[in-house]
Structures are given as structure tokens and as C-alpha cells.
Amino acid sequence: MASKFLSKIKSLFSHDRDKEVLTLLKTSELIETDFVAIEFNKTLGDLVQVIAISKRNMFPVVDNCNRLQGIVYLDDIRRIMFDRKQYDTTYVYSLMKSAPAFIYADEKMDSVMHKFEYTNAWNLPVVDDENKYLGFVSKSNIFSSYREQIQQ
């Protein structure tokens, strides 16, 4: 009896069903825009001011045309962010890392999920066709939206 129950559950949550639900999710509707961007040529002092007003622990780095250049992670700068001697001599471009991958706003969700899988990231930046920064998509937000679709 238990094996029949398990087989019914497995058929309900088949790989095809997962793909079907994923096609209902739109990347453009999952973009989180509450990350505070900073220009690559700003100083550590400028970055500390941005950190003070932000609720996030990652900061997209952009050029003067808002094109994504990289990401600064709070964990990576924690040890130097209180060293005021470096505020005017350390630049954001020297602190940033390349994004592990990026997502296009109109990208299909199965492709997005593949990028999360191979990068092992929890957040990936979203750009438009001109590489202009739009926000981030989080794996958590995708899972929440996926669960909502399943419930419907």
C-alpha cells in the first residue's frame, strides 16, 4: 500500500511537471530591486555610506551608464570597512568580484535555474540586452513563487 502511495506522489512531482510549473514563472516578475548600486570608481568611504543605508549584504557595481561591472560582498570587506585610513585610497573596483553568472530579464526560467545550479549561487544579477543592471533574482524567491504555482 505504501509503495502505491509513493508511486502516485512521484508521478505528481515528475520532472515534466516541474518544467511545466517553471514555464509559468517569469524572470522579469521575480527581480528584486532593493539592492543599492555603487559606481566602480567610488571609494571605500562612499561604499561604507551605501552599506549604512542598505538592508542587503551585496552591492552591485556599475559604471556611469549603469552597466554591471561586478559585485561587492559585505563579507569580503568587513575587515577593512572600519579602517578609515583606507576610505579615500581604496576604490570599489579593487574590492568587487565578477558575477558568477548573470540573468536576462526575459530569460526562460529553466535556463535561470540551470545558472543557479552550476554557479551554486543564491542570488544572481539581472541585466538587460545592453548589460544594464536591473536587480537580482534570488533562488529563495524562485522557490517561493514555485510553491505558490504548485498550490494554485
Protein backbone atom coordinates (compact mmCIF):
# COMPACT_ATOMS: atom_id res chain seq x y z
CA MET A 1 0.00 0.00 0.00
CA ALA A 2 2.78 2.43 0.92
CA SER A 3 4.60 1.78 -2.37
CA LYS A 4 1.44 2.66 -4.38
CA PHE A 5 1.18 5.91 -2.43
CA LEU A 6 4.83 6.76 -3.08
CA SER A 7 4.48 5.99 -6.77
CA LYS A 8 1.47 8.34 -7.02
CA ILE A 9 3.42 11.11 -5.31
CA LYS A 10 6.37 10.58 -7.64
CA SER A 11 4.12 10.83 -10.68
CA LEU A 12 2.60 14.08 -9.40
CA PHE A 13 6.02 15.65 -9.00
CA SER A 14 7.69 14.39 -12.12
CA HIS A 15 10.45 16.26 -13.88
CA ASP A 16 7.97 17.21 -16.63
CA ARG A 17 5.61 18.69 -14.05
CA ASP A 18 8.45 20.73 -12.57
CA LYS A 19 9.34 22.07 -16.01
CA GLU A 20 5.69 22.87 -16.66
CA VAL A 21 5.43 24.90 -13.46
CA LEU A 22 8.74 26.65 -14.17
CA THR A 23 7.43 27.85 -17.54
CA LEU A 24 4.70 29.73 -15.66
CA LEU A 25 7.29 31.75 -13.74
CA LYS A 26 8.50 34.93 -15.43
CA THR A 27 12.01 36.10 -14.63
CA SER A 28 11.00 39.74 -15.05
CA GLU A 29 8.41 39.34 -12.28
CA LEU A 30 10.97 37.94 -9.82
CA ILE A 31 13.52 40.75 -9.98
CA GLU A 32 14.34 42.27 -6.60
CA THR A 33 15.33 45.92 -6.91
CA ASP A 34 16.14 46.87 -3.32
CA PHE A 35 19.90 46.40 -3.76
CA VAL A 36 21.86 49.65 -3.64
CA ALA A 37 24.27 50.01 -6.55
CA ILE A 38 27.57 51.86 -6.40
CA GLU A 39 29.79 53.09 -9.22
CA PHE A 40 33.09 51.28 -9.70
CA ASN A 41 35.19 54.46 -9.34
CA LYS A 42 33.84 55.36 -5.88
CA THR A 43 35.93 54.95 -2.74
CA LEU A 44 35.63 52.63 0.25
CA GLY A 45 34.30 55.64 2.19
CA ASP A 46 31.48 56.02 -0.36
CA LEU A 47 30.77 52.29 -0.12
CA VAL A 48 30.53 52.44 3.68
CA GLN A 49 27.88 55.17 3.29
CA VAL A 50 25.94 52.92 0.90
CA ILE A 51 26.22 49.99 3.33
CA ALA A 52 24.79 52.19 6.10
CA ILE A 53 21.53 52.73 4.16
CA SER A 54 21.21 49.24 2.69
CA LYS A 55 19.38 46.21 4.02
CA ARG A 56 21.40 43.82 1.85
CA ASN A 57 24.88 42.33 2.07
CA MET A 58 25.81 42.57 -1.62
CA PHE A 59 26.27 45.63 -3.72
CA PRO A 60 26.09 45.70 -7.50
CA VAL A 61 28.92 47.70 -9.02
CA VAL A 62 28.03 49.70 -12.12
CA ASP A 63 29.71 52.14 -14.48
CA ASN A 64 28.39 55.63 -15.19
CA CYS A 65 25.93 54.16 -17.74
CA ASN A 66 24.54 51.69 -15.16
CA ARG A 67 26.19 48.68 -16.84
CA LEU A 68 27.02 45.90 -14.39
CA GLN A 69 30.74 45.65 -13.65
CA GLY A 70 30.79 43.31 -10.65
CA ILE A 71 29.57 42.78 -7.10
CA VAL A 72 30.97 43.72 -3.70
CA TYR A 73 30.09 41.30 -0.91
CA LEU A 74 29.95 42.66 2.63
CA ASP A 75 31.73 39.57 3.99
CA ASP A 76 34.70 40.33 1.71
CA ILE A 77 35.22 43.87 3.00
CA ARG A 78 34.18 43.53 6.62
CA ARG A 79 37.78 43.50 7.86
CA ILE A 80 38.71 46.78 6.11
CA MET A 81 35.47 48.75 6.22
CA PHE A 82 36.25 50.18 9.66
CA ASP A 83 39.77 51.23 8.70
CA ARG A 84 39.19 54.94 7.99
CA LYS A 85 42.74 55.30 6.64
CA GLN A 86 41.64 53.32 3.57
CA TYR A 87 38.42 55.29 2.93
CA ASP A 88 39.95 57.66 0.36
CA THR A 89 42.62 55.39 -1.12
CA THR A 90 40.74 52.13 -1.74
CA TYR A 91 38.40 52.04 -4.72
CA VAL A 92 35.32 49.91 -5.28
CA TYR A 93 36.77 48.41 -8.49
CA SER A 94 39.55 46.86 -6.37
CA LEU A 95 37.01 45.30 -4.00
CA MET A 96 34.49 43.90 -6.49
CA LYS A 97 34.24 40.38 -7.85
CA SER A 98 32.83 39.25 -11.13
CA ALA A 99 29.28 37.97 -11.00
CA PRO A 100 29.27 34.15 -11.13
CA ALA A 101 26.70 34.49 -13.95
CA PHE A 102 24.05 36.95 -14.94
CA ILE A 103 20.46 36.63 -15.98
CA TYR A 104 18.50 38.47 -18.66
CA ALA A 105 15.10 39.86 -17.66
CA ASP A 106 13.37 37.86 -20.42
CA GLU A 107 15.34 34.65 -19.86
CA LYS A 108 13.38 31.43 -19.53
CA MET A 109 13.20 30.02 -16.03
CA ASP A 110 14.74 26.64 -16.88
CA SER A 111 17.83 28.49 -18.09
CA VAL A 112 17.85 30.62 -14.93
CA MET A 113 17.63 27.52 -12.75
CA HIS A 114 20.50 25.95 -14.68
CA LYS A 115 22.65 29.02 -13.92
CA PHE A 116 21.81 28.78 -10.22
CA GLU A 117 22.70 25.09 -10.30
CA TYR A 118 26.11 25.43 -11.95
CA THR A 119 27.16 28.58 -10.01
CA ASN A 120 25.85 27.37 -6.64
CA ALA A 121 24.76 30.99 -6.02
CA TRP A 122 21.70 32.16 -4.06
CA ASN A 123 21.42 35.49 -5.88
CA LEU A 124 22.29 36.37 -9.45
CA PRO A 125 22.23 39.82 -11.06
CA VAL A 126 19.77 40.64 -13.81
CA VAL A 127 20.74 42.78 -16.79
CA ASP A 128 19.05 43.95 -19.95
CA ASP A 129 20.33 43.42 -23.51
CA GLU A 130 22.81 46.29 -23.07
CA ASN A 131 24.21 44.81 -19.83
CA LYS A 132 22.48 47.50 -17.76
CA TYR A 133 21.85 46.46 -14.19
CA LEU A 134 18.18 45.81 -13.28
CA GLY A 135 18.33 43.97 -9.95
CA PHE A 136 18.81 40.45 -8.64
CA VAL A 137 16.86 37.21 -8.75
CA SER A 138 17.15 35.02 -5.69
CA LYS A 139 16.80 31.28 -5.54
CA SER A 140 14.59 31.76 -2.46
CA ASN A 141 12.19 33.98 -4.39
CA ILE A 142 12.02 31.44 -7.22
CA PHE A 143 11.24 28.62 -4.77
CA SER A 144 8.52 30.71 -3.11
CA SER A 145 6.93 31.53 -6.46
CA TYR A 146 7.23 27.89 -7.50
CA ARG A 147 5.40 26.81 -4.33
CA GLU A 148 2.66 29.36 -4.98
CA GLN A 149 2.19 27.99 -8.52
CA ILE A 150 2.02 24.42 -7.19
CA GLN A 151 -0.66 25.44 -4.68
CA GLN A 152 -2.76 27.00 -7.42
